[in-house]
Amino acid sequence: MCFNNHKIAYLCGEECGILVPFYDVKASCGLPTEQGDVPPEMIRVPGGDFDGLNTYTISVKGDSMVGVGIFDGDVLLIEKTFQLRNKDIIYVSIDGEWMVKNYYMDDQGRHWLVPSNPKYNPKQITEDMNIYIGGKVKYNLTLHNDSRENLVNCISNYLQQETEPKPEPPRIPTQEACP
């Protein structure tokens, strides 16, 4: 496992091969190229179907994407691209506000940014918006492990349900056969 002084853990054995920039922008500041003269921190990530030239990492904030396993504080690997497909998870700026959302084009040709949490509404992309696509999410680099306390509570609740006496099913009166 590799640790990069962040909440990032990789299941890549002893090797993390590719260096990519890490921008702690919390998905709400600017695109990495707009960060001014501040050089990015470089972190190592496991090799995969990407290169270090067209990728970078960002941190995210909020809970609008929990339905697809992206949580507050996670670190995402972003691939720079302008070619989007339906249901891609993208890093995008709408009128200067950076966000991570699902991209969707409906049957009427309307473009949408859709959160993966039902407490938030989708946002239709319209011609009057200033839009910049930072790229699409390739991977969530944050390893999520359930807490030991939660695991123990889950097992305890299950065992308690198993040991509780089960109510007897109601008896259905039967009619005796007529001679």
Foldseek 3Di string as FASTA:
>chain_A
DDDDPALFDDPQPPDQDAKAFEDAPQQFADQPVPPPPDGGDIDGHHDDPDHRPQKHKYFHADDQAVLVPRYGGWIFIFGADDDDDAQFFFFKAKQRTTDTFGWHQDPVRWIWGHTNDVVDGIDTDDPVIDMDTSGTTPDGRRDDDDDPVVVVVVVVVVVVVVPDDDDDDDDDDDDDDDD
